[in-house]
C-alpha atoms as a PDB file:
ATOM      1  CA  UNK A   1      51.058  73.738 165.238  1.00  0.00           C
ATOM      2  CA  UNK A   2      54.842  73.434 165.445  1.00  0.00           C
ATOM      3  CA  UNK A   3      54.687  70.202 163.418  1.00  0.00           C
ATOM      4  CA  UNK A   4      52.600  71.916 160.731  1.00  0.00           C
ATOM      5  CA  UNK A   5      55.069  74.810 160.642  1.00  0.00           C
ATOM      6  CA  UNK A   6      58.036  72.448 160.246  1.00  0.00           C
ATOM      7  CA  UNK A   7      56.284  70.491 157.504  1.00  0.00           C
ATOM      8  CA  UNK A   8      55.461  73.737 155.697  1.00  0.00           C
ATOM      9  CA  UNK A   9      59.060  74.889 156.028  1.00  0.00           C
ATOM     10  CA  UNK A  10      60.289  71.561 154.646  1.00  0.00           C
ATOM     11  CA  UNK A  11      57.891  71.794 151.705  1.00  0.00           C
ATOM     12  CA  UNK A  12      58.988  75.353 150.924  1.00  0.00           C
ATOM     13  CA  UNK A  13      62.650  74.348 151.121  1.00  0.00           C
ATOM     14  CA  UNK A  14      62.062  71.495 148.683  1.00  0.00           C
ATOM     15  CA  UNK A  15      60.310  73.879 146.327  1.00  0.00           C
ATOM     16  CA  UNK A  16      63.168  76.357 146.448  1.00  0.00           C
ATOM     17  CA  UNK A  17      65.746  73.665 145.817  1.00  0.00           C
ATOM     18  CA  UNK A  18      63.873  72.041 142.942  1.00  0.00           C
ATOM     19  CA  UNK A  19      62.141  75.018 141.314  1.00  0.00           C
ATOM     20  CA  UNK A  20      64.186  74.671 138.154  1.00  0.00           C
ATOM     21  CA  UNK A  21      63.829  70.916 137.661  1.00  0.00           C
ATOM     22  CA  UNK A  22      67.571  70.823 138.281  1.00  0.00           C
ATOM     23  CA  UNK A  23      69.168  67.462 138.941  1.00  0.00           C
ATOM     24  CA  UNK A  24      70.309  66.941 142.526  1.00  0.00           C
ATOM     25  CA  UNK A  25      74.000  66.949 143.331  1.00  0.00           C
ATOM     26  CA  UNK A  26      73.762  63.366 144.579  1.00  0.00           C
ATOM     27  CA  UNK A  27      72.189  62.173 141.342  1.00  0.00           C
ATOM     28  CA  UNK A  28      74.720  64.074 139.241  1.00  0.00           C
ATOM     29  CA  UNK A  29      77.594  62.537 141.213  1.00  0.00           C
ATOM     30  CA  UNK A  30      76.066  59.096 140.755  1.00  0.00           C
ATOM     31  CA  UNK A  31      75.473  59.384 137.006  1.00  0.00           C
ATOM     32  CA  UNK A  32      78.969  60.781 136.371  1.00  0.00           C
ATOM     33  CA  UNK A  33      80.766  58.460 138.800  1.00  0.00           C
ATOM     34  CA  UNK A  34      83.415  57.506 136.212  1.00  0.00           C
ATOM     35  CA  UNK A  35      84.742  61.070 136.413  1.00  0.00           C
ATOM     36  CA  UNK A  36      87.415  61.254 139.135  1.00  0.00           C
ATOM     37  CA  UNK A  37      88.543  64.852 138.710  1.00  0.00           C
ATOM     38  CA  UNK A  38      87.500  68.300 139.881  1.00  0.00           C
ATOM     39  CA  UNK A  39      83.832  69.259 140.026  1.00  0.00           C
ATOM     40  CA  UNK A  40      81.732  72.395 140.219  1.00  0.00           C
ATOM     41  CA  UNK A  41      79.917  73.055 143.484  1.00  0.00           C
ATOM     42  CA  UNK A  42      76.726  71.479 142.131  1.00  0.00           C
ATOM     43  CA  UNK A  43      78.594  68.260 141.263  1.00  0.00           C
ATOM     44  CA  UNK A  44      79.028  68.853 137.545  1.00  0.00           C
ATOM     45  CA  UNK A  45      82.343  67.453 136.203  1.00  0.00           C
ATOM     46  CA  UNK A  46      84.895  70.198 135.559  1.00  0.00           C
ATOM     47  CA  UNK A  47      87.300  69.132 132.837  1.00  0.00           C
ATOM     48  CA  UNK A  48      90.442  71.235 133.234  1.00  0.00           C
ATOM     49  CA  UNK A  49      91.003  74.452 131.307  1.00  0.00           C
ATOM     50  CA  UNK A  50      94.203  72.909 129.906  1.00  0.00           C
ATOM     51  CA  UNK A  51      92.307  69.976 128.373  1.00  0.00           C
ATOM     52  CA  UNK A  52      89.632  72.326 127.041  1.00  0.00           C
ATOM     53  CA  UNK A  53      92.347  74.414 125.375  1.00  0.00           C
ATOM     54  CA  UNK A  54      94.050  71.360 123.856  1.00  0.00           C
ATOM     55  CA  UNK A  55      90.692  69.930 122.725  1.00  0.00           C
ATOM     56  CA  UNK A  56      90.372  72.797 120.241  1.00  0.00           C
ATOM     57  CA  UNK A  57      92.653  70.952 117.794  1.00  0.00           C
ATOM     58  CA  UNK A  58      90.822  67.617 118.072  1.00  0.00           C
ATOM     59  CA  UNK A  59      88.820  66.469 115.045  1.00  0.00           C
ATOM     60  CA  UNK A  60      85.504  64.621 115.142  1.00  0.00           C
ATOM     61  CA  UNK A  61      87.199  61.605 113.554  1.00  0.00           C
ATOM     62  CA  UNK A  62      89.696  61.373 116.414  1.00  0.00           C
ATOM     63  CA  UNK A  63      87.061  61.875 119.102  1.00  0.00           C
ATOM     64  CA  UNK A  64      84.709  59.393 117.437  1.00  0.00           C
ATOM     65  CA  UNK A  65      87.338  56.658 117.311  1.00  0.00           C
ATOM     66  CA  UNK A  66      88.150  56.943 121.023  1.00  0.00           C
ATOM     67  CA  UNK A  67      84.505  57.082 122.092  1.00  0.00           C
ATOM     68  CA  UNK A  68      83.451  54.206 119.824  1.00  0.00           C
ATOM     69  CA  UNK A  69      86.256  52.004 121.147  1.00  0.00           C
ATOM     70  CA  UNK A  70      85.024  52.773 124.669  1.00  0.00           C
ATOM     71  CA  UNK A  71      81.456  51.769 123.726  1.00  0.00           C
ATOM     72  CA  UNK A  72      79.996  55.277 123.336  1.00  0.00           C
ATOM     73  CA  UNK A  73      78.138  55.120 120.020  1.00  0.00           C
ATOM     74  CA  UNK A  74      75.711  58.045 120.270  1.00  0.00           C
ATOM     75  CA  UNK A  75      77.832  61.123 120.945  1.00  0.00           C
ATOM     76  CA  UNK A  76      77.761  62.961 117.604  1.00  0.00           C
ATOM     77  CA  UNK A  77      75.072  65.055 115.915  1.00  0.00           C
ATOM     78  CA  UNK A  78      75.142  66.882 112.589  1.00  0.00           C
ATOM     79  CA  UNK A  79      72.853  68.619 110.095  1.00  0.00           C
ATOM     80  CA  UNK A  80      72.919  71.998 111.880  1.00  0.00           C
ATOM     81  CA  UNK A  81      72.520  75.593 110.846  1.00  0.00           C
ATOM     82  CA  UNK A  82      75.396  77.649 112.242  1.00  0.00           C
ATOM     83  CA  UNK A  83      76.505  81.055 113.435  1.00  0.00           C
ATOM     84  CA  UNK A  84      80.245  81.582 112.834  1.00  0.00           C
ATOM     85  CA  UNK A  85      80.689  78.291 110.944  1.00  0.00           C
ATOM     86  CA  UNK A  86      84.432  78.850 110.503  1.00  0.00           C
ATOM     87  CA  UNK A  87      85.006  78.967 114.266  1.00  0.00           C
ATOM     88  CA  UNK A  88      85.253  76.152 116.801  1.00  0.00           C
ATOM     89  CA  UNK A  89      82.865  75.772 119.737  1.00  0.00           C
ATOM     90  CA  UNK A  90      84.459  74.171 122.778  1.00  0.00           C
ATOM     91  CA  UNK A  91      83.355  74.032 126.415  1.00  0.00           C
ATOM     92  CA  UNK A  92      81.597  72.158 129.219  1.00  0.00           C
ATOM     93  CA  UNK A  93      77.929  71.291 128.742  1.00  0.00           C
ATOM     94  CA  UNK A  94      75.071  72.687 130.793  1.00  0.00           C
ATOM     95  CA  UNK A  95      71.964  70.872 129.588  1.00  0.00           C
ATOM     96  CA  UNK A  96      68.320  71.858 129.409  1.00  0.00           C
ATOM     97  CA  UNK A  97      65.383  69.687 128.363  1.00  0.00           C
ATOM     98  CA  UNK A  98      62.094  71.105 127.134  1.00  0.00           C
ATOM     99  CA  UNK A  99      58.885  69.267 126.248  1.00  0.00           C
ATOM    100  CA  UNK A 100      55.753  70.333 124.379  1.00  0.00           C
ATOM    101  CA  UNK A 101      53.658  72.477 126.703  1.00  0.00           C
ATOM    102  CA  UNK A 102      50.942  70.963 128.876  1.00  0.00           C
ATOM    103  CA  UNK A 103      49.115  73.474 131.098  1.00  0.00           C
ATOM    104  CA  UNK A 104      48.872  71.473 134.329  1.00  0.00           C
ATOM    105  CA  UNK A 105      52.576  70.514 134.353  1.00  0.00           C
ATOM    106  CA  UNK A 106      53.768  73.868 133.041  1.00  0.00           C
ATOM    107  CA  UNK A 107      51.801  75.771 135.665  1.00  0.00           C
ATOM    108  CA  UNK A 108      53.077  73.548 138.482  1.00  0.00           C
ATOM    109  CA  UNK A 109      56.682  74.101 137.388  1.00  0.00           C
ATOM    110  CA  UNK A 110      56.063  77.822 136.991  1.00  0.00           C
ATOM    111  CA  UNK A 111      54.546  78.065 140.466  1.00  0.00           C
ATOM    112  CA  UNK A 112      57.663  76.588 142.047  1.00  0.00           C
ATOM    113  CA  UNK A 113      59.822  78.981 140.091  1.00  0.00           C
ATOM    114  CA  UNK A 114      57.822  82.019 141.157  1.00  0.00           C
ATOM    115  CA  UNK A 115      58.067  80.891 144.795  1.00  0.00           C
ATOM    116  CA  UNK A 116      61.839  81.163 144.396  1.00  0.00           C
ATOM    117  CA  UNK A 117      61.607  84.572 142.730  1.00  0.00           C
ATOM    118  CA  UNK A 118      62.147  83.283 139.206  1.00  0.00           C
ATOM    119  CA  UNK A 119      60.302  84.291 136.059  1.00  0.00           C
ATOM    120  CA  UNK A 120      60.489  82.900 132.552  1.00  0.00           C
ATOM    121  CA  UNK A 121      61.488  79.244 132.426  1.00  0.00           C
ATOM    122  CA  UNK A 122      63.758  79.779 129.429  1.00  0.00           C
ATOM    123  CA  UNK A 123      66.127  81.854 131.601  1.00  0.00           C
ATOM    124  CA  UNK A 124      66.524  79.338 134.442  1.00  0.00           C
ATOM    125  CA  UNK A 125      69.311  77.272 132.850  1.00  0.00           C
ATOM    126  CA  UNK A 126      71.031  80.462 131.684  1.00  0.00           C
ATOM    127  CA  UNK A 127      71.289  81.647 135.297  1.00  0.00           C
ATOM    128  CA  UNK A 128      73.557  78.666 136.074  1.00  0.00           C
ATOM    129  CA  UNK A 129      76.091  79.249 133.301  1.00  0.00           C
ATOM    130  CA  UNK A 130      79.714  80.164 134.037  1.00  0.00           C
ATOM    131  CA  UNK A 131      82.733  81.033 131.905  1.00  0.00           C
ATOM    132  CA  UNK A 132      83.661  78.220 129.517  1.00  0.00           C
ATOM    133  CA  UNK A 133      80.232  76.552 129.522  1.00  0.00           C
ATOM    134  CA  UNK A 134      78.184  75.680 126.453  1.00  0.00           C
ATOM    135  CA  UNK A 135      74.393  75.850 126.742  1.00  0.00           C
ATOM    136  CA  UNK A 136      73.010  72.602 125.250  1.00  0.00           C
ATOM    137  CA  UNK A 137      69.215  72.528 124.909  1.00  0.00           C
ATOM    138  CA  UNK A 138      66.768  69.933 123.624  1.00  0.00           C
ATOM    139  CA  UNK A 139      63.922  72.064 122.290  1.00  0.00           C
ATOM    140  CA  UNK A 140      62.573  68.993 120.428  1.00  0.00           C
ATOM    141  CA  UNK A 141      63.078  70.755 117.086  1.00  0.00           C
ATOM    142  CA  UNK A 142      60.021  72.998 117.515  1.00  0.00           C
ATOM    143  CA  UNK A 143      59.857  75.918 115.091  1.00  0.00           C
ATOM    144  CA  UNK A 144      56.683  78.048 115.016  1.00  0.00           C
ATOM    145  CA  UNK A 145      56.123  79.664 118.435  1.00  0.00           C
ATOM    146  CA  UNK A 146      59.056  77.645 119.737  1.00  0.00           C
ATOM    147  CA  UNK A 147      62.145  79.890 120.064  1.00  0.00           C
ATOM    148  CA  UNK A 148      63.376  80.421 123.633  1.00  0.00           C
ATOM    149  CA  UNK A 149      66.612  82.106 122.508  1.00  0.00           C
ATOM    150  CA  UNK A 150      66.789  85.492 120.838  1.00  0.00           C
ATOM    151  CA  UNK A 151      69.360  88.259 120.972  1.00  0.00           C
ATOM    152  CA  UNK A 152      68.599  89.168 124.618  1.00  0.00           C
ATOM    153  CA  UNK A 153      69.044  85.631 125.953  1.00  0.00           C
ATOM    154  CA  UNK A 154      71.915  85.111 123.501  1.00  0.00           C
ATOM    155  CA  UNK A 155      73.775  88.115 124.875  1.00  0.00           C
ATOM    156  CA  UNK A 156      73.195  86.853 128.416  1.00  0.00           C
ATOM    157  CA  UNK A 157      74.597  83.440 127.482  1.00  0.00           C
ATOM    158  CA  UNK A 158      77.643  84.957 125.827  1.00  0.00           C
ATOM    159  CA  UNK A 159      78.302  87.337 128.714  1.00  0.00           C
ATOM    160  CA  UNK A 160      78.322  84.436 131.161  1.00  0.00           C
ATOM    161  CA  UNK A 161      80.216  81.844 129.096  1.00  0.00           C
ATOM    162  CA  UNK A 162      82.138  83.508 126.273  1.00  0.00           C
ATOM    163  CA  UNK A 163      80.614  80.730 124.163  1.00  0.00           C
ATOM    164  CA  UNK A 164      77.608  79.916 122.026  1.00  0.00           C
ATOM    165  CA  UNK A 165      74.944  77.217 122.055  1.00  0.00           C
ATOM    166  CA  UNK A 166      73.911  73.821 120.748  1.00  0.00           C
ATOM    167  CA  UNK A 167      70.155  74.137 120.382  1.00  0.00           C
ATOM    168  CA  UNK A 168      67.824  71.557 118.846  1.00  0.00           C
ATOM    169  CA  UNK A 169      65.108  74.034 118.034  1.00  0.00           C
ATOM    170  CA  UNK A 170      64.461  77.383 116.387  1.00  0.00           C
ATOM    171  CA  UNK A 171      66.181  80.615 117.390  1.00  0.00           C
ATOM    172  CA  UNK A 172      64.814  84.114 116.791  1.00  0.00           C
ATOM    173  CA  UNK A 173      66.490  87.535 116.330  1.00  0.00           C
ATOM    174  CA  UNK A 174      69.115  85.841 114.182  1.00  0.00           C
ATOM    175  CA  UNK A 175      70.523  89.137 112.891  1.00  0.00           C
ATOM    176  CA  UNK A 176      71.150  90.270 116.459  1.00  0.00           C
ATOM    177  CA  UNK A 177      72.733  86.943 117.405  1.00  0.00           C
ATOM    178  CA  UNK A 178      75.135  87.208 114.486  1.00  0.00           C
ATOM    179  CA  UNK A 179      76.327  90.542 115.850  1.00  0.00           C
ATOM    180  CA  UNK A 180      77.696  88.782 118.960  1.00  0.00           C
ATOM    181  CA  UNK A 181      81.221  88.208 117.699  1.00  0.00           C
ATOM    182  CA  UNK A 182      82.139  84.972 119.465  1.00  0.00           C
ATOM    183  CA  UNK A 183      78.686  83.420 119.579  1.00  0.00           C
ATOM    184  CA  UNK A 184      79.626  80.259 117.654  1.00  0.00           C
ATOM    185  CA  UNK A 185      76.388  78.273 117.648  1.00  0.00           C
ATOM    186  CA  UNK A 186      74.597  75.234 116.245  1.00  0.00           C
ATOM    187  CA  UNK A 187      70.821  75.313 115.906  1.00  0.00           C
ATOM    188  CA  UNK A 188      68.043  73.566 114.000  1.00  0.00           C
ATOM    189  CA  UNK A 189      66.199  76.455 112.370  1.00  0.00           C
ATOM    190  CA  UNK A 190      65.170  80.101 112.549  1.00  0.00           C
ATOM    191  CA  UNK A 191      61.696  81.500 113.142  1.00  0.00           C
ATOM    192  CA  UNK A 192      60.620  85.061 114.079  1.00  0.00           C
ATOM    193  CA  UNK A 193      57.966  83.906 116.573  1.00  0.00           C
ATOM    194  CA  UNK A 194      58.408  83.464 120.330  1.00  0.00           C
ATOM    195  CA  UNK A 195      57.656  80.541 122.634  1.00  0.00           C
ATOM    196  CA  UNK A 196      54.465  80.590 124.693  1.00  0.00           C
ATOM    197  CA  UNK A 197      53.184  83.767 123.085  1.00  0.00           C
ATOM    198  CA  UNK A 198      49.506  84.780 123.063  1.00  0.00           C
ATOM    199  CA  UNK A 199      48.742  82.467 125.975  1.00  0.00           C
ATOM    200  CA  UNK A 200      49.790  79.299 124.122  1.00  0.00           C
ATOM    201  CA  UNK A 201      51.980  77.048 126.264  1.00  0.00           C
ATOM    202  CA  UNK A 202      54.097  75.598 123.482  1.00  0.00           C
ATOM    203  CA  UNK A 203      57.127  74.595 125.560  1.00  0.00           C
ATOM    204  CA  UNK A 204      58.000  73.862 129.180  1.00  0.00           C
ATOM    205  CA  UNK A 205      61.285  73.244 130.938  1.00  0.00           C
ATOM    206  CA  UNK A 206      61.405  69.791 132.546  1.00  0.00           C
ATOM    207  CA  UNK A 207      65.104  69.273 133.245  1.00  0.00           C
ATOM    208  CA  UNK A 208      68.374  71.078 133.925  1.00  0.00           C
ATOM    209  CA  UNK A 209      71.682  69.189 133.858  1.00  0.00           C
ATOM    210  CA  UNK A 210      69.842  65.900 133.574  1.00  0.00           C
ATOM    211  CA  UNK A 211      70.773  63.489 130.754  1.00  0.00           C
ATOM    212  CA  UNK A 212      69.234  64.857 127.574  1.00  0.00           C
ATOM    213  CA  UNK A 213      68.913  63.913 123.911  1.00  0.00           C
ATOM    214  CA  UNK A 214      70.292  66.146 121.166  1.00  0.00           C
ATOM    215  CA  UNK A 215      69.267  64.636 117.844  1.00  0.00           C
ATOM    216  CA  UNK A 216      70.806  61.155 117.885  1.00  0.00           C
ATOM    217  CA  UNK A 217      73.219  61.920 120.730  1.00  0.00           C
ATOM    218  CA  UNK A 218      72.949  61.511 124.500  1.00  0.00           C
ATOM    219  CA  UNK A 219      74.413  64.420 126.457  1.00  0.00           C
ATOM    220  CA  UNK A 220      75.312  64.673 130.139  1.00  0.00           C
ATOM    221  CA  UNK A 221      76.122  67.792 132.119  1.00  0.00           C
ATOM    222  CA  UNK A 222      79.890  68.287 132.134  1.00  0.00           C
ATOM    223  CA  UNK A 223      80.457  66.626 128.754  1.00  0.00           C
ATOM    224  CA  UNK A 224      82.983  68.473 126.615  1.00  0.00           C
ATOM    225  CA  UNK A 225      81.197  69.997 123.633  1.00  0.00           C
ATOM    226  CA  UNK A 226      83.244  70.055 120.417  1.00  0.00           C
ATOM    227  CA  UNK A 227      81.554  71.913 117.569  1.00  0.00           C
ATOM    228  CA  UNK A 228      83.369  72.189 114.256  1.00  0.00           C
ATOM    229  CA  UNK A 229      83.104  71.314 110.564  1.00  0.00           C
ATOM    230  CA  UNK A 230      79.294  71.254 110.654  1.00  0.00           C
ATOM    231  CA  UNK A 231      78.922  68.734 113.490  1.00  0.00           C
ATOM    232  CA  UNK A 232      78.987  68.505 117.267  1.00  0.00           C
ATOM    233  CA  UNK A 233      80.618  65.817 119.427  1.00  0.00           C
ATOM    234  CA  UNK A 234      79.670  65.399 123.081  1.00  0.00           C
ATOM    235  CA  UNK A 235      82.665  63.864 124.852  1.00  0.00           C
ATOM    236  CA  UNK A 236      82.047  62.334 128.297  1.00  0.00           C
ATOM    237  CA  UNK A 237      84.205  64.075 130.894  1.00  0.00           C
ATOM    238  CA  UNK A 238      86.064  60.899 131.867  1.00  0.00           C
ATOM    239  CA  UNK A 239      87.105  60.325 128.222  1.00  0.00           C
ATOM    240  CA  UNK A 240      88.248  63.904 127.529  1.00  0.00           C
ATOM    241  CA  UNK A 241      91.897  63.380 128.448  1.00  0.00           C
ATOM    242  CA  UNK A 242      92.142  60.189 126.388  1.00  0.00           C
ATOM    243  CA  UNK A 243      90.580  61.936 123.399  1.00  0.00           C
ATOM    244  CA  UNK A 244      93.053  64.827 123.638  1.00  0.00           C
ATOM    245  CA  UNK A 245      96.151  62.655 124.103  1.00  0.00           C
ATOM    246  CA  UNK A 246      95.124  60.315 121.287  1.00  0.00           C
ATOM    247  CA  UNK A 247      94.553  63.296 118.993  1.00  0.00           C
ATOM    248  CA  UNK A 248      97.948  64.781 119.827  1.00  0.00           C
ATOM    249  CA  UNK A 249      99.727  61.481 119.154  1.00  0.00           C
ATOM    250  CA  UNK A 250      97.889  61.050 115.843  1.00  0.00           C
ATOM    251  CA  UNK A 251      98.804  64.630 114.898  1.00  0.00           C
ATOM    252  CA  UNK A 252     102.490  64.061 115.629  1.00  0.00           C
ATOM    253  CA  UNK A 253     102.599  60.707 113.858  1.00  0.00           C
ATOM    254  CA  UNK A 254     100.941  62.247 110.803  1.00  0.00           C
ATOM    255  CA  UNK A 255     103.484  65.086 110.717  1.00  0.00           C
ATOM    256  CA  UNK A 256     106.361  62.639 110.987  1.00  0.00           C
ATOM    257  CA  UNK A 257     104.916  60.269 108.398  1.00  0.00           C
ATOM    258  CA  UNK A 258     104.223  63.007 105.868  1.00  0.00           C
ATOM    259  CA  UNK A 259     107.713  64.434 106.282  1.00  0.00           C
ATOM    260  CA  UNK A 260     109.384  61.051 105.798  1.00  0.00           C
ATOM    261  CA  UNK A 261     107.210  60.347 102.750  1.00  0.00           C
ATOM    262  CA  UNK A 262     108.224  63.663 101.164  1.00  0.00           C
ATOM    263  CA  UNK A 263     111.868  62.794 101.862  1.00  0.00           C
ATOM    264  CA  UNK A 264     111.387  59.393 100.244  1.00  0.00           C
ATOM    265  CA  UNK A 265     112.789  57.620 103.316  1.00  0.00           C
ATOM    266  CA  UNK A 266     109.782  55.282 103.614  1.00  0.00           C
ATOM    267  CA  UNK A 267     107.130  54.081 101.213  1.00  0.00           C
ATOM    268  CA  UNK A 268     103.407  54.777 101.561  1.00  0.00           C
ATOM    269  CA  UNK A 269     102.921  51.102 102.375  1.00  0.00           C
ATOM    270  CA  UNK A 270     105.365  51.338 105.289  1.00  0.00           C
ATOM    271  CA  UNK A 271     103.748  54.462 106.737  1.00  0.00           C
ATOM    272  CA  UNK A 272     100.128  53.505 106.109  1.00  0.00           C
ATOM    273  CA  UNK A 273     100.339  50.219 108.015  1.00  0.00           C
ATOM    274  CA  UNK A 274     101.570  49.200 111.468  1.00  0.00           C
ATOM    275  CA  UNK A 275     105.023  50.725 111.860  1.00  0.00           C
ATOM    276  CA  UNK A 276     108.103  48.573 112.263  1.00  0.00           C
ATOM    277  CA  UNK A 277     110.363  48.971 115.303  1.00  0.00           C
ATOM    278  CA  UNK A 278     112.823  50.827 113.074  1.00  0.00           C
ATOM    279  CA  UNK A 279     110.202  53.461 112.145  1.00  0.00           C
ATOM    280  CA  UNK A 280     109.023  53.723 115.762  1.00  0.00           C
ATOM    281  CA  UNK A 281     112.605  54.439 116.899  1.00  0.00           C
ATOM    282  CA  UNK A 282     112.979  56.984 114.128  1.00  0.00           C
ATOM    283  CA  UNK A 283     109.745  58.623 115.272  1.00  0.00           C
ATOM    284  CA  UNK A 284     110.978  58.874 118.875  1.00  0.00           C
ATOM    285  CA  UNK A 285     114.215  60.471 117.690  1.00  0.00           C
ATOM    286  CA  UNK A 286     112.269  62.853 115.451  1.00  0.00           C
ATOM    287  CA  UNK A 287     110.157  63.929 118.432  1.00  0.00           C
ATOM    288  CA  UNK A 288     113.299  64.663 120.452  1.00  0.00           C
ATOM    289  CA  UNK A 289     114.893  66.591 117.595  1.00  0.00           C
ATOM    290  CA  UNK A 290     111.809  68.761 116.984  1.00  0.00           C
ATOM    291  CA  UNK A 291     110.383  68.987 120.504  1.00  0.00           C
ATOM    292  CA  UNK A 292     110.204  72.790 120.536  1.00  0.00           C
ATOM    293  CA  UNK A 293     108.815  73.115 117.016  1.00  0.00           C
ATOM    294  CA  UNK A 294     105.744  70.884 117.245  1.00  0.00           C
ATOM    295  CA  UNK A 295     102.052  71.812 117.859  1.00  0.00           C
ATOM    296  CA  UNK A 296     102.083  69.858 121.142  1.00  0.00           C
ATOM    297  CA  UNK A 297     103.749  71.180 124.281  1.00  0.00           C
ATOM    298  CA  UNK A 298     107.238  70.039 125.275  1.00  0.00           C
ATOM    299  CA  UNK A 299     105.797  68.668 128.536  1.00  0.00           C
ATOM    300  CA  UNK A 300     103.239  66.515 126.745  1.00  0.00           C
ATOM    301  CA  UNK A 301     105.820  65.157 124.300  1.00  0.00           C
ATOM    302  CA  UNK A 302     108.197  64.324 127.145  1.00  0.00           C
ATOM    303  CA  UNK A 303     105.400  62.483 128.944  1.00  0.00           C
ATOM    304  CA  UNK A 304     104.586  60.571 125.766  1.00  0.00           C
ATOM    305  CA  UNK A 305     108.247  59.638 125.192  1.00  0.00           C
ATOM    306  CA  UNK A 306     108.594  58.497 128.800  1.00  0.00           C
ATOM    307  CA  UNK A 307     105.859  55.919 128.263  1.00  0.00           C
ATOM    308  CA  UNK A 308     107.233  54.577 124.984  1.00  0.00           C
ATOM    309  CA  UNK A 309     109.089  51.264 124.842  1.00  0.00           C
ATOM    310  CA  UNK A 310     111.363  52.242 121.946  1.00  0.00           C
END
């Protein structure tokens, strides 16, 4: 009897831990092992607030170049509809993966959720969100009877994160979502219907914070989401600092080059190719002379100058 009780207790514990199809901490640590920095309690990489802030000025071109050179070829997705298209979406990814509904699997997942006191699979990933996160969901582009996000869930997401969503599927209540001031979001389409209505199991949640596919991109929990100019880049956590520093250097070099071209000091051919040692020295001096006037912090410029050889 005691053995049966212990086995039952073990089974119930497993159900409670896995009700949401959430990736285990051990698996998350393993899949993101190239990240050496701080993590959330569940193991998700936690790129620093400072890097997140500085990432806001990064362009897709700059991020793409760094990621491509590192061998990451599938980290960008475009062709979205948008809420607040003139704003920038930036934050750490929490991922959710949905599949077309299948009653036996859906009901099994639902049963585990109810055992843990949870209702409505579409809210399970939302419960995990914290400030600065971006909810990234693969809803496999479903439209009719597919939306799992309307103005109620949208307000919950915004209250928890201060951010919007990247959602490969249809949203509903679009007028209400647009009323959420900072809800900068990327989505596939709009439809007034609701998922799993009238007894039809159209969608089911099969993964939280597991690797997921958003259009042609692969996304991992903890990736930095950069949404701007109609597209979204998903930057692996361990590449975030390199992307930011590279962007800042490019920004400074462009400012210097444009200024010198306007002054007529150098020709376009000199600036648009590999710089000579003379121009590199001039650039270092220019950085020193303008260190408190540039769109990069004094500390970052000093660190950059310290590592230069001329």
